[in-house]
Amino acid sequence: MNESDLLQTLFQRNYSSTQNFPDKELAEEYIDKLFNFLFTAKEHKYDSKEQLVNEYDNLKTTLSNIVYDILRNDAEVEGIIEHFFLSIPHIYNTLLKDATAIVAFDPAAGSLEEVLLAYPGFYATAVYRLSHKLYKLKLNTLSRIWSEFAHSKTGIDIHPGAIIGESFFIDHGTGIVIGETTFIGNNVKIYQGVTLGALNVIKNASTAKRHPTIENNVIIYSDATILGGTTRVGHDSVIGGNVWLTESVEPYSVVYHKSKVIVRDKYPFPAPLNFVI
C-alpha cells in the first residue's frame, strides 16, 4: 500500500462508511463534566438555582450532539437523551449508596465528601453506572469510551455490560478487571488486582455468559482470579487473596491459600537465595 492508497482507504472509512462514531475527546471530557456536576460541584458555584438548571440543560445538549454524531436521527437521539436523563436520579441515589458503603467499611475514609472527591474506586463505579445505561440503550461504542476513560484514570477496568448491585465497594482498585457478563449482587467488596473473567476468549461465545456470578455480601481480597460463566460464588462468602477459582462455591464459604512459613536460619533452603535476575 502506497500513500495514495492509504489516503483513499482513510477517506472511505471516515467519510463513506455507513457507521458513525462519536468524538472521542469530547466524549471523555463529557463524562468527567457529568461526574463533577453530580458529585463535586458546590452550591456556591451557582448564584441561583437557575444557573444550576442551565448547566444541567447544557449537559443534555452536549450529550445530544455526541449521540447525534452516531445515530444521525433526531427522533432516536431525543428518545435516548430523555431516557438517559430520566434515569440519572436513580443512578445518583445508587451511587450515594456505594459511597456510603465505602465510608462505612473503610477505616481510612474520613467522610462522604472525601470518597466523592478522592476515591478512584468510586469514580470508576460512577462511570460504570452511567456507561451501563448507555450500553442498555445500545450505544456500545460510546459506553466503552466512557469506561475505558475511567480505566485510564483509575486502573480499574469495568465493562459497561456487567451488572452490579447496590452498595458496591472497591478498595484501592488498581488492576481490577470485571468482564462484560459478570453479575455482582448487593453489598459486595472487591480489592485491588481482582479479575472476574472468562475461561476462554472464543469469539463465537460472545453472546454467552462468560464471566462469573458473585452473590450478595461477598468479599474478594486482592489478586484473586475468578473465571467462567458457570462459576458462582455463594452469598456471604470470603475469597482470599491470590485465589484461583474456576468452580462454584457454596454460600458462607471461605476460600484461601495458607502460606507456609520457614525460618531460614533453622531450616536452610536447599537452593541459594542470593540469585540475580
Foldseek 3Di string as FASTA:
>chain_A
DDPVVVVVVVCCVQPVDPFFAFDLVLLQVLLVVVLCLLFVDDPVVDPDVVVNVVVVVVSLVSVLVRVCRGVVDNVLSVVLSVVLVVCVVVLSVLLLLQLVLCCVPPPVDPDSSCCSPPPLVSVLVSLLSSLLSVVVVVPQNSSQSSNVSSCVVQLAHARSQEAEEGNEEEDSHHQEHHDNLEYYYYQEYEYYQEYFEFPDPDPVCVPPQGTEYEYAQEYEYHNEYETGRDAYEEYNEYEDHNHDHDHHDYHPYYHDDDDDDDDCVVDPDPDDPPDDD
